[in-house]
């Protein structure tokens, strides 16, 4: 275990705490690194990571030194910290986390607060011009919300983390809307429900935040599939027409792209004048965001489709994409216990053939035998239960057949990806 991982291991028992007071006090001790560059906050139930990655790719292509902080990591911790697409060196991250821990002193810092503070320090010291920050959980009390965004973005709102964010869509939406600021643009993607959107719009009205709503401002959104999951996406905003070669698959990614473009337009109006259509197109074409409807084609072996859908809303977007894919796929599925694994699996079953149920390598994972028992007769035809992930993956890949879909958890996708594509 490296130094950074050891520090986080010490902090992990403190769990998750929503609220900004502890991190704000720490950042004061660190001389306010979060105030040394402009920021964009991206929140939402699903799509926020993809939207943040696309926006960061655009601003980087326009010549702005851009930091991207996302969570959680897909494969390794360093993936969460990028500047102009390059991940942080592990030794440098360990040193930043050690400094954060040392300066925290008597403050009961959590793991995510430490990571967020390290990101702010890294971006400040590397003279980043713009930090694109993906909210970890919710919005109002998320550690990233200690920054003062020039633009805020909300992608979608659906039921997830209800035990922390609220038992209704309106309550969850209001919490996520906490990332907006008075007088600063709020970009709304395709939120999903009238109830959630109404709560956000009311919050924006009370705060005095101008709203740019994608369903109103984006016209003629169309996507034409290309090779390897890529797609040609065209649309017009109220300002101009666009055409992009998007390396990310699925209609939901086309919507995430349009949302990111609205955010880029808002930044352009706020002083980032180099964010012009040609730069945006270059950034989008170069954007990589592994594990999200990602096809892995391996000569002589089964192809894989990796998607980190981990809640019903994400599974719904995946199911819609599968409707575009010819023929049923086989499925390797595993989920964490705070997710409705049975409902998620049931949504995918009509679109897949053979199923292998397994578990991400985590104490928080569902036992696949429990999932299989809950599904009952629906999982008796060509359904294998293998709790050990390496064995499950080996079994799924050993049989000839159509491409293998791996989904149910970001953790599962990351662990499979590490085995398929070792670094």
Protein backbone atom coordinates (compact mmCIF):
# COMPACT_ATOMS: atom_id res chain seq x y z
CA UNK A 1 0.00 0.00 0.00
CA UNK A 2 1.47 3.38 -1.01
CA UNK A 3 1.56 6.44 1.25
CA UNK A 4 -1.56 8.07 -0.18
CA UNK A 5 -3.63 4.91 0.08
CA UNK A 6 -2.47 4.40 3.68
CA UNK A 7 -3.63 7.91 4.64
CA UNK A 8 -7.04 7.35 3.09
CA UNK A 9 -7.30 3.99 4.85
CA UNK A 10 -6.85 5.81 8.17
CA UNK A 11 -9.56 8.33 7.30
CA UNK A 12 -12.08 5.86 5.85
CA UNK A 13 -13.65 4.81 9.19
CA UNK A 14 -14.93 8.39 9.58
CA UNK A 15 -17.36 7.63 6.78
CA UNK A 16 -19.19 10.25 4.73
CA UNK A 17 -20.08 13.64 6.13
CA UNK A 18 -22.11 16.18 4.20
CA UNK A 19 -21.26 19.76 5.13
CA UNK A 20 -18.54 22.28 4.38
CA UNK A 21 -17.37 23.53 7.78
CA UNK A 22 -14.48 21.10 8.35
CA UNK A 23 -13.07 21.40 4.84
CA UNK A 24 -13.48 25.18 4.87
CA UNK A 25 -11.40 25.40 8.05
CA UNK A 26 -8.72 23.18 6.55
CA UNK A 27 -8.57 25.22 3.32
CA UNK A 28 -8.12 28.36 5.40
CA UNK A 29 -5.04 26.75 6.94
CA UNK A 30 -3.82 25.90 3.44
CA UNK A 31 -4.16 29.54 2.28
CA UNK A 32 -7.36 29.02 0.25
CA UNK A 33 -6.10 27.03 -2.75
CA UNK A 34 -9.66 26.65 -4.06
CA UNK A 35 -9.81 30.42 -4.66
CA UNK A 36 -6.77 30.52 -6.95
CA UNK A 37 -8.50 29.37 -10.14
CA UNK A 38 -11.91 29.61 -11.73
CA UNK A 39 -14.20 26.62 -11.21
CA UNK A 40 -17.17 24.83 -12.70
CA UNK A 41 -19.24 22.55 -10.47
CA UNK A 42 -21.01 19.61 -12.12
CA UNK A 43 -23.66 17.75 -10.10
CA UNK A 44 -26.40 15.25 -10.91
CA UNK A 45 -27.47 11.67 -10.34
CA UNK A 46 -26.01 10.35 -13.58
CA UNK A 47 -23.99 11.86 -16.40
CA UNK A 48 -22.04 14.31 -14.29
CA UNK A 49 -18.69 12.57 -14.76
CA UNK A 50 -19.09 12.34 -18.54
CA UNK A 51 -20.25 15.96 -18.74
CA UNK A 52 -17.32 17.12 -16.62
CA UNK A 53 -14.83 15.13 -18.72
CA UNK A 54 -16.24 16.55 -21.97
CA UNK A 55 -16.16 20.13 -20.67
CA UNK A 56 -12.58 19.73 -19.39
CA UNK A 57 -11.52 18.33 -22.77
CA UNK A 58 -13.06 21.33 -24.53
CA UNK A 59 -11.43 23.95 -22.32
CA UNK A 60 -8.09 22.17 -22.54
CA UNK A 61 -8.31 22.09 -26.35
CA UNK A 62 -9.00 25.84 -26.28
CA UNK A 63 -5.63 26.36 -24.60
CA UNK A 64 -6.75 26.82 -21.01
CA UNK A 65 -4.81 24.87 -18.43
CA UNK A 66 -7.62 22.74 -17.05
CA UNK A 67 -7.89 20.59 -13.95
CA UNK A 68 -10.45 17.80 -13.68
CA UNK A 69 -11.43 16.26 -10.35
CA UNK A 70 -13.86 13.33 -10.48
CA UNK A 71 -15.01 10.61 -8.12
CA UNK A 72 -14.87 7.78 -7.47
CA UNK A 73 -11.84 6.40 -9.27
CA UNK A 74 -12.50 3.82 -11.99
CA UNK A 75 -9.23 1.88 -11.70
CA UNK A 76 -6.75 3.72 -9.51
CA UNK A 77 -6.75 6.73 -7.24
CA UNK A 78 -4.66 8.89 -9.55
CA UNK A 79 -7.42 8.77 -12.17
CA UNK A 80 -9.42 11.28 -10.13
CA UNK A 81 -6.84 14.07 -10.56
CA UNK A 82 -6.04 15.25 -14.08
CA UNK A 83 -4.54 18.35 -15.64
CA UNK A 84 -4.97 18.70 -19.38
CA UNK A 85 -5.86 15.02 -19.50
CA UNK A 86 -2.76 13.79 -17.63
CA UNK A 87 -3.31 12.00 -14.35
CA UNK A 88 -1.30 12.97 -11.29
CA UNK A 89 1.84 11.06 -10.37
CA UNK A 90 1.24 8.66 -7.48
CA UNK A 91 4.15 9.98 -5.46
CA UNK A 92 2.99 13.57 -5.85
CA UNK A 93 -0.53 12.62 -4.77
CA UNK A 94 0.84 10.83 -1.72
CA UNK A 95 2.81 13.94 -0.76
CA UNK A 96 -0.27 16.16 -1.17
CA UNK A 97 -2.38 13.86 1.00
CA UNK A 98 0.35 13.77 3.64
CA UNK A 99 0.40 17.56 3.70
CA UNK A 100 -3.37 17.70 3.94
CA UNK A 101 -3.41 15.23 6.82
CA UNK A 102 -0.65 17.08 8.66
CA UNK A 103 -2.36 20.46 8.32
CA UNK A 104 -5.73 19.08 9.35
CA UNK A 105 -4.50 18.69 12.91
CA UNK A 106 -7.50 18.31 15.21
CA UNK A 107 -10.04 18.49 12.38
CA UNK A 108 -11.96 15.22 11.89
CA UNK A 109 -11.24 15.07 8.18
CA UNK A 110 -13.01 12.45 6.04
CA UNK A 111 -11.54 10.55 3.12
CA UNK A 112 -13.39 12.56 0.47
CA UNK A 113 -12.57 15.87 2.15
CA UNK A 114 -8.89 14.93 2.06
CA UNK A 115 -9.09 14.05 -1.62
CA UNK A 116 -10.89 17.29 -2.43
CA UNK A 117 -8.36 19.38 -0.50
CA UNK A 118 -5.52 17.59 -2.31
CA UNK A 119 -7.17 18.40 -5.65
CA UNK A 120 -7.42 22.09 -4.79
CA UNK A 121 -3.76 22.16 -3.69
CA UNK A 122 -2.65 20.35 -6.83
CA UNK A 123 -4.56 22.65 -9.17
CA UNK A 124 -3.41 25.81 -7.39
CA UNK A 125 0.26 24.83 -7.41
CA UNK A 126 0.13 23.78 -11.05
CA UNK A 127 -1.41 27.15 -11.97
CA UNK A 128 -4.58 25.71 -13.40
CA UNK A 129 -6.79 28.32 -15.05
CA UNK A 130 -10.04 26.38 -14.72
CA UNK A 131 -10.99 23.51 -12.41
CA UNK A 132 -13.88 21.30 -13.47
CA UNK A 133 -15.18 19.60 -10.34
CA UNK A 134 -17.58 16.66 -10.25
CA UNK A 135 -19.67 16.62 -7.08
CA UNK A 136 -19.28 13.41 -5.16
CA UNK A 137 -22.64 13.14 -3.39
CA UNK A 138 -25.52 15.56 -3.74
CA UNK A 139 -24.52 19.19 -4.02
CA UNK A 140 -25.19 21.50 -1.11
CA UNK A 141 -23.09 19.63 1.42
CA UNK A 142 -20.61 18.02 -0.97
CA UNK A 143 -16.98 18.92 -0.34
CA UNK A 144 -16.51 20.30 -3.86
CA UNK A 145 -19.17 22.93 -3.12
CA UNK A 146 -16.67 24.87 -1.03
CA UNK A 147 -15.46 26.32 -4.35
CA UNK A 148 -17.13 29.38 -5.89
CA UNK A 149 -18.15 28.32 -9.40
CA UNK A 150 -18.29 30.60 -12.40
CA UNK A 151 -20.83 28.17 -13.90
CA UNK A 152 -22.81 25.37 -12.27
CA UNK A 153 -24.20 22.35 -14.10
CA UNK A 154 -26.95 19.89 -13.17
CA UNK A 155 -27.23 16.87 -15.47
CA UNK A 156 -30.04 14.58 -14.24
CA UNK A 157 -31.94 13.92 -11.02
CA UNK A 158 -33.22 10.49 -10.01
CA UNK A 159 -33.62 8.44 -6.85
CA UNK A 160 -30.19 7.62 -5.45
CA UNK A 161 -28.67 8.12 -1.99
CA UNK A 162 -32.17 8.94 -0.73
CA UNK A 163 -31.08 8.14 2.84
CA UNK A 164 -28.78 11.19 2.73
CA UNK A 165 -30.34 13.54 0.19
CA UNK A 166 -34.07 13.17 0.79
CA UNK A 167 -36.97 10.81 0.20
CA UNK A 168 -38.52 12.71 -2.72
CA UNK A 169 -37.19 13.79 -6.09
CA UNK A 170 -37.90 17.40 -5.13
CA UNK A 171 -35.74 17.08 -2.00
CA UNK A 172 -32.90 15.38 -3.89
CA UNK A 173 -33.07 18.04 -6.61
CA UNK A 174 -33.01 20.86 -4.08
CA UNK A 175 -29.90 19.40 -2.48
CA UNK A 176 -28.13 19.08 -5.82
CA UNK A 177 -29.19 22.63 -6.71
CA UNK A 178 -27.06 23.80 -3.82
CA UNK A 179 -24.15 24.05 -6.27
CA UNK A 180 -25.68 27.12 -7.96
CA UNK A 181 -24.66 30.68 -7.07
CA UNK A 182 -26.46 34.01 -7.21
CA UNK A 183 -25.79 35.80 -10.47
CA UNK A 184 -23.92 32.87 -11.98
CA UNK A 185 -25.29 30.69 -14.80
CA UNK A 186 -26.88 27.37 -13.98
CA UNK A 187 -26.93 24.93 -16.90
CA UNK A 188 -29.65 22.30 -16.68
CA UNK A 189 -29.43 19.12 -18.69
CA UNK A 190 -32.33 16.75 -19.27
CA UNK A 191 -33.27 16.55 -15.59
CA UNK A 192 -35.76 13.73 -16.01
CA UNK A 193 -38.92 14.69 -14.10
CA UNK A 194 -41.08 17.79 -13.78
CA UNK A 195 -41.02 17.46 -9.98
CA UNK A 196 -37.23 17.62 -9.78
CA UNK A 197 -36.91 20.40 -12.34
CA UNK A 198 -39.53 22.55 -10.63
CA UNK A 199 -37.58 22.32 -7.36
CA UNK A 200 -34.36 23.36 -9.10
CA UNK A 201 -35.97 26.26 -10.95
CA UNK A 202 -37.53 27.56 -7.74
CA UNK A 203 -34.18 27.35 -5.98
CA UNK A 204 -32.55 29.24 -8.85
CA UNK A 205 -35.29 31.89 -8.80
CA UNK A 206 -34.85 32.50 -5.10
CA UNK A 207 -31.06 32.65 -5.42
CA UNK A 208 -31.07 34.86 -8.49
CA UNK A 209 -29.17 32.42 -10.72
CA UNK A 210 -29.86 32.67 -14.48
CA UNK A 211 -30.84 29.30 -15.93
CA UNK A 212 -29.88 27.82 -19.28
CA UNK A 213 -32.15 24.83 -19.81
CA UNK A 214 -30.88 22.34 -22.39
CA UNK A 215 -34.33 21.14 -23.59
CA UNK A 216 -35.14 24.78 -24.42
CA UNK A 217 -31.80 25.86 -25.85
CA UNK A 218 -30.71 22.77 -27.78
CA UNK A 219 -32.50 22.15 -31.08
CA UNK A 220 -32.36 19.33 -33.61
CA UNK A 221 -30.14 17.07 -31.50
CA UNK A 222 -29.23 14.09 -33.69
CA UNK A 223 -26.67 11.31 -33.43
CA UNK A 224 -25.46 8.96 -36.14
CA UNK A 225 -23.59 5.84 -34.91
CA UNK A 226 -20.01 5.39 -36.06
CA UNK A 227 -17.35 2.75 -35.56
CA UNK A 228 -16.47 1.33 -32.16
CA UNK A 229 -19.29 3.06 -30.31
CA UNK A 230 -18.40 6.55 -31.56
CA UNK A 231 -21.11 8.80 -32.97
CA UNK A 232 -21.51 11.90 -35.08
CA UNK A 233 -23.58 14.39 -33.09
CA UNK A 234 -25.15 17.54 -34.49
CA UNK A 235 -27.34 20.16 -32.87
CA UNK A 236 -27.92 23.89 -32.63
CA UNK A 237 -28.06 26.10 -29.58
CA UNK A 238 -29.60 29.56 -29.52
CA UNK A 239 -26.11 30.86 -30.34
CA UNK A 240 -24.76 28.60 -33.14
CA UNK A 241 -24.78 25.23 -34.89
CA UNK A 242 -22.41 22.42 -33.96
CA UNK A 243 -21.13 19.11 -35.33
CA UNK A 244 -19.02 16.76 -33.22
CA UNK A 245 -17.27 13.41 -33.49
CA UNK A 246 -18.10 12.03 -30.06
CA UNK A 247 -16.07 8.98 -28.95
CA UNK A 248 -18.68 8.07 -26.30
CA UNK A 249 -21.62 5.81 -27.17
CA UNK A 250 -25.31 6.24 -26.44
CA UNK A 251 -28.03 8.85 -26.77
CA UNK A 252 -27.45 9.84 -23.14
CA UNK A 253 -23.86 10.80 -24.01
CA UNK A 254 -25.12 13.00 -26.84
CA UNK A 255 -27.27 14.81 -24.26
CA UNK A 256 -24.31 15.07 -21.89
CA UNK A 257 -22.31 16.61 -24.74
CA UNK A 258 -25.00 19.20 -25.45
CA UNK A 259 -25.12 20.08 -21.74
CA UNK A 260 -21.33 20.49 -21.65
CA UNK A 261 -21.46 22.74 -24.72
CA UNK A 262 -23.99 25.03 -23.01
CA UNK A 263 -21.58 25.26 -20.07
CA UNK A 264 -18.73 26.08 -22.46
CA UNK A 265 -20.84 28.82 -24.05
CA UNK A 266 -21.55 30.28 -20.61
CA UNK A 267 -17.82 30.26 -19.82
CA UNK A 268 -17.07 31.94 -23.16
CA UNK A 269 -19.42 34.76 -22.21
CA UNK A 270 -17.64 35.06 -18.86
CA UNK A 271 -14.16 35.70 -20.22
CA UNK A 272 -13.03 32.36 -21.64
CA UNK A 273 -13.12 33.79 -25.15
CA UNK A 274 -11.08 31.02 -26.80
CA UNK A 275 -13.92 28.56 -26.35
CA UNK A 276 -14.91 28.64 -30.01
CA UNK A 277 -16.59 25.85 -32.03
CA UNK A 278 -13.36 24.51 -33.56
CA UNK A 279 -11.72 24.19 -30.13
CA UNK A 280 -14.80 22.50 -28.69
CA UNK A 281 -14.81 20.00 -31.56
CA UNK A 282 -11.12 19.18 -31.05
CA UNK A 283 -11.66 18.62 -27.35
CA UNK A 284 -14.68 16.38 -27.81
CA UNK A 285 -12.94 14.24 -30.44
CA UNK A 286 -10.00 13.70 -28.06
CA UNK A 287 -12.08 13.04 -24.92
CA UNK A 288 -11.69 9.68 -23.22
CA UNK A 289 -13.96 8.49 -20.43
CA UNK A 290 -13.43 4.76 -19.84
CA UNK A 291 -16.03 2.43 -18.43
CA UNK A 292 -19.05 4.30 -19.78
CA UNK A 293 -20.61 2.36 -22.68
CA UNK A 294 -17.02 1.52 -23.59
CA UNK A 295 -16.39 -1.14 -26.20
CA UNK A 296 -13.26 -3.23 -25.92
CA UNK A 297 -12.61 -5.13 -29.14
CA UNK A 298 -9.89 -7.77 -28.76
CA UNK A 299 -8.66 -9.64 -31.86
CA UNK A 300 -9.52 -13.31 -31.65
CA UNK A 301 -11.43 -12.93 -28.37
CA UNK A 302 -14.87 -11.87 -27.22
CA UNK A 303 -15.58 -8.17 -27.31
CA UNK A 304 -16.70 -6.48 -24.10
CA UNK A 305 -19.06 -3.61 -23.42
CA UNK A 306 -18.22 -1.98 -20.09
CA UNK A 307 -20.74 0.36 -18.51
CA UNK A 308 -20.69 1.69 -14.98
CA UNK A 309 -24.48 2.00 -14.65
CA UNK A 310 -25.02 1.50 -10.93
CA UNK A 311 -28.56 2.70 -10.23
CA UNK A 312 -31.95 2.38 -11.94
CA UNK A 313 -31.56 5.62 -13.87
CA UNK A 314 -28.17 4.57 -15.22
CA UNK A 315 -29.48 1.11 -16.10
CA UNK A 316 -32.36 2.75 -17.98
CA UNK A 317 -29.90 4.73 -20.13
CA UNK A 318 -27.90 1.55 -20.75
CA UNK A 319 -31.03 -0.38 -21.72
CA UNK A 320 -31.91 2.32 -24.24
CA UNK A 321 -28.44 2.01 -25.75
CA UNK A 322 -28.76 -1.78 -25.91
CA UNK A 323 -31.86 -1.30 -28.06
CA UNK A 324 -29.48 0.10 -30.70
CA UNK A 325 -27.08 -2.87 -30.47
CA UNK A 326 -27.70 -5.78 -32.81
CA UNK A 327 -28.56 -9.02 -31.05
CA UNK A 328 -28.52 -9.91 -27.34
CA UNK A 329 -25.29 -9.72 -25.36
CA UNK A 330 -24.17 -11.98 -22.55
CA UNK A 331 -24.08 -10.31 -19.12
CA UNK A 332 -21.67 -10.22 -16.19
CA UNK A 333 -23.51 -8.40 -13.40
CA UNK A 334 -22.66 -7.36 -9.84
CA UNK A 335 -23.82 -4.50 -7.63
CA UNK A 336 -23.34 -2.92 -4.22
CA UNK A 337 -25.85 -3.43 -1.42
CA UNK A 338 -27.09 0.15 -1.37
CA UNK A 339 -28.45 -0.34 -4.90
CA UNK A 340 -31.64 -2.20 -6.00
CA UNK A 341 -29.73 -4.95 -7.75
CA UNK A 342 -32.76 -7.12 -8.53
CA UNK A 343 -34.69 -4.30 -10.20
CA UNK A 344 -31.60 -3.32 -12.18
CA UNK A 345 -31.04 -6.89 -13.35
CA UNK A 346 -34.69 -7.32 -14.29
CA UNK A 347 -34.49 -4.23 -16.52
CA UNK A 348 -31.59 -5.76 -18.45
CA UNK A 349 -32.77 -9.37 -18.68
CA UNK A 350 -34.90 -8.98 -21.84
CA UNK A 351 -31.86 -7.58 -23.65
CA UNK A 352 -29.28 -10.22 -22.73
CA UNK A 353 -28.72 -13.93 -23.21
CA UNK A 354 -26.53 -15.86 -20.79
CA UNK A 355 -26.00 -14.30 -17.37
CA UNK A 356 -23.17 -14.63 -14.87
CA UNK A 357 -23.95 -13.10 -11.47
CA UNK A 358 -20.94 -12.09 -9.40
CA UNK A 359 -19.83 -9.45 -6.90
CA UNK A 360 -17.40 -6.55 -7.02
CA UNK A 361 -14.48 -7.16 -4.69
CA UNK A 362 -15.89 -5.14 -1.80
CA UNK A 363 -17.43 -5.78 1.59
CA UNK A 364 -20.34 -3.63 0.42
CA UNK A 365 -21.27 -5.91 -2.48
CA UNK A 366 -24.45 -7.93 -2.83
CA UNK A 367 -23.94 -11.67 -2.54
CA UNK A 368 -24.93 -12.86 -6.05
CA UNK A 369 -26.64 -15.89 -4.51
CA UNK A 370 -29.01 -13.50 -2.75
CA UNK A 371 -29.70 -11.68 -6.01
CA UNK A 372 -30.31 -14.95 -7.85
CA UNK A 373 -32.73 -16.15 -5.16
CA UNK A 374 -34.68 -12.88 -5.34
CA UNK A 375 -34.93 -13.08 -9.12
CA UNK A 376 -36.19 -16.65 -8.77
CA UNK A 377 -37.35 -18.46 -11.88
CA UNK A 378 -36.27 -15.53 -14.02
CA UNK A 379 -32.66 -16.51 -13.42
CA UNK A 380 -32.85 -20.26 -13.89
CA UNK A 381 -32.29 -20.40 -17.64
CA UNK A 382 -28.61 -20.12 -18.53
CA UNK A 383 -27.79 -18.15 -15.37
CA UNK A 384 -24.56 -18.87 -13.49
CA UNK A 385 -23.75 -17.66 -9.98
CA UNK A 386 -20.06 -17.21 -9.20
CA UNK A 387 -19.27 -14.95 -6.19
CA UNK A 388 -15.54 -14.82 -6.97
CA UNK A 389 -15.05 -12.10 -9.58
CA UNK A 390 -11.88 -13.45 -11.26
CA UNK A 391 -13.50 -16.87 -11.59
CA UNK A 392 -16.73 -15.32 -12.86
CA UNK A 393 -14.90 -13.28 -15.48
CA UNK A 394 -12.89 -16.30 -16.57
CA UNK A 395 -16.03 -18.39 -16.87
CA UNK A 396 -17.85 -15.69 -18.86
CA UNK A 397 -14.95 -15.22 -21.27
CA UNK A 398 -14.20 -18.90 -21.69
CA UNK A 399 -17.48 -19.59 -23.48
CA UNK A 400 -17.82 -18.56 -27.11
CA UNK A 401 -20.66 -16.22 -27.86
CA UNK A 402 -21.70 -12.62 -28.46
CA UNK A 403 -20.07 -9.63 -26.77
CA UNK A 404 -20.06 -9.63 -22.98
CA UNK A 405 -21.74 -6.74 -21.15
CA UNK A 406 -20.21 -5.91 -17.76
CA UNK A 407 -22.30 -3.62 -15.58
CA UNK A 408 -24.00 -3.01 -12.22
CA UNK A 409 -21.24 -1.12 -10.42
CA UNK A 410 -18.41 1.28 -11.22
CA UNK A 411 -16.28 -0.81 -8.89
CA UNK A 412 -17.04 -3.99 -10.85
CA UNK A 413 -16.28 -2.31 -14.19
CA UNK A 414 -13.00 -0.91 -12.89
CA UNK A 415 -11.89 -4.27 -11.51
CA UNK A 416 -12.76 -6.06 -14.75
CA UNK A 417 -11.05 -3.39 -16.82
CA UNK A 418 -7.86 -3.77 -14.77
CA UNK A 419 -7.83 -7.49 -15.55
CA UNK A 420 -8.61 -7.11 -19.23
CA UNK A 421 -6.28 -4.17 -19.81
CA UNK A 422 -3.49 -4.41 -17.20
CA UNK A 423 -1.33 -1.30 -16.95
